[in-house]
């Protein structure tokens, strides 16, 4: 079987108005996340699939890129335009992209 390579995008290249899907767990999200991100933990994705837009590219991110790669593959299999954010939130932070918290404290990637 031949599999197409998983489409990936560098963290610095994710458009600020793009749909960013963060599939990390609740504690990871709470520590720090991209302001425009939508949080759906990987374990909840199938149940919450309807929250993922089918009419635009979905940029999928986790901590380092493993879980998001699996989610991106799943979304592509469902017919969506999905890409994995290479290097995850650690790459996002290294690229100097902003991080926020819901509680207003300092944001970190855990």
Protein backbone atom coordinates (compact mmCIF):
# COMPACT_ATOMS: atom_id res chain seq x y z
CA UNK A 1 0.00 0.00 0.00
CA UNK A 2 1.17 3.49 -0.78
CA UNK A 3 0.19 6.23 1.58
CA UNK A 4 0.43 9.88 0.64
CA UNK A 5 2.68 11.79 2.99
CA UNK A 6 0.82 13.63 5.70
CA UNK A 7 0.57 17.32 4.83
CA UNK A 8 2.41 19.43 7.37
CA UNK A 9 2.85 23.14 7.94
CA UNK A 10 5.42 25.02 10.00
CA UNK A 11 4.03 26.74 13.10
CA UNK A 12 5.19 30.11 11.80
CA UNK A 13 3.16 29.58 8.60
CA UNK A 14 -0.24 28.95 10.24
CA UNK A 15 -2.41 31.92 9.24
CA UNK A 16 -3.56 34.01 12.20
CA UNK A 17 -7.13 33.75 10.88
CA UNK A 18 -6.84 30.03 10.08
CA UNK A 19 -8.77 27.33 11.91
CA UNK A 20 -6.39 25.88 14.53
CA UNK A 21 -7.56 22.70 16.25
CA UNK A 22 -5.73 21.94 19.52
CA UNK A 23 -6.13 18.25 20.41
CA UNK A 24 -4.14 18.28 23.67
CA UNK A 25 -5.59 17.32 27.03
CA UNK A 26 -7.33 19.81 29.32
CA UNK A 27 -4.30 20.38 31.58
CA UNK A 28 -2.05 21.08 28.57
CA UNK A 29 -4.61 23.53 27.15
CA UNK A 30 -5.00 25.29 30.52
CA UNK A 31 -1.22 25.86 30.80
CA UNK A 32 -1.11 27.75 27.50
CA UNK A 33 -2.60 27.75 24.02
CA UNK A 34 -2.86 29.79 20.86
CA UNK A 35 -5.49 32.49 21.23
CA UNK A 36 -7.44 31.52 18.10
CA UNK A 37 -7.30 27.77 18.77
CA UNK A 38 -10.38 25.60 19.23
CA UNK A 39 -9.87 22.93 21.91
CA UNK A 40 -11.16 19.44 21.24
CA UNK A 41 -9.06 16.80 23.03
CA UNK A 42 -8.10 13.88 20.79
CA UNK A 43 -10.20 11.52 22.92
CA UNK A 44 -13.33 13.63 22.24
CA UNK A 45 -12.81 14.23 18.51
CA UNK A 46 -15.16 11.58 17.14
CA UNK A 47 -18.00 12.68 19.44
CA UNK A 48 -17.39 16.36 18.62
CA UNK A 49 -16.61 15.94 14.92
CA UNK A 50 -19.42 18.33 13.97
CA UNK A 51 -17.48 21.19 15.57
CA UNK A 52 -14.72 20.87 12.96
CA UNK A 53 -15.41 22.97 9.85
CA UNK A 54 -15.62 21.12 6.55
CA UNK A 55 -15.35 24.29 4.47
CA UNK A 56 -11.82 25.42 5.39
CA UNK A 57 -8.35 24.05 6.07
CA UNK A 58 -7.94 22.63 9.58
CA UNK A 59 -4.50 23.12 11.17
CA UNK A 60 -4.14 20.40 13.85
CA UNK A 61 -1.74 20.88 16.77
CA UNK A 62 -0.70 18.98 19.91
CA UNK A 63 2.45 19.23 22.03
CA UNK A 64 5.03 17.85 19.57
CA UNK A 65 3.04 16.60 16.58
CA UNK A 66 2.26 12.93 17.22
CA UNK A 67 -1.37 13.11 18.33
CA UNK A 68 -2.11 15.89 15.86
CA UNK A 69 -0.69 13.76 13.02
CA UNK A 70 -3.15 10.98 13.92
CA UNK A 71 -6.04 13.45 14.08
CA UNK A 72 -5.05 15.08 10.77
CA UNK A 73 -4.96 11.63 9.13
CA UNK A 74 -8.43 10.89 10.52
CA UNK A 75 -9.83 14.22 9.29
CA UNK A 76 -8.33 13.68 5.83
CA UNK A 77 -9.92 10.21 5.74
CA UNK A 78 -13.27 11.92 6.48
CA UNK A 79 -12.76 14.17 3.45
CA UNK A 80 -11.57 17.31 5.25
CA UNK A 81 -8.64 19.52 4.29
CA UNK A 82 -6.36 19.01 7.30
CA UNK A 83 -2.67 19.63 7.95
CA UNK A 84 -0.46 18.75 10.89
CA UNK A 85 1.41 21.60 12.59
CA UNK A 86 4.99 20.29 12.44
CA UNK A 87 6.58 20.26 15.89
CA UNK A 88 3.34 21.11 17.66
CA UNK A 89 2.96 23.74 20.36
CA UNK A 90 6.66 23.51 21.23
CA UNK A 91 7.43 24.69 17.68
CA UNK A 92 4.67 27.31 18.00
CA UNK A 93 6.37 28.68 21.12
CA UNK A 94 9.86 28.56 19.50
CA UNK A 95 8.49 30.45 16.48
CA UNK A 96 7.45 33.27 18.82
CA UNK A 97 3.74 32.77 18.18
CA UNK A 98 1.62 34.14 21.04
CA UNK A 99 0.33 31.95 23.85
CA UNK A 100 -2.53 32.75 26.22
CA UNK A 101 -4.31 31.17 29.18
CA UNK A 102 -7.96 31.33 30.13
CA UNK A 103 -6.97 32.48 33.65
CA UNK A 104 -4.74 35.35 32.57
CA UNK A 105 -1.56 33.97 34.13
CA UNK A 106 1.70 33.26 32.32
CA UNK A 107 1.30 30.82 29.43
CA UNK A 108 3.61 27.84 28.94
CA UNK A 109 3.63 24.67 26.86
CA UNK A 110 3.59 21.54 29.03
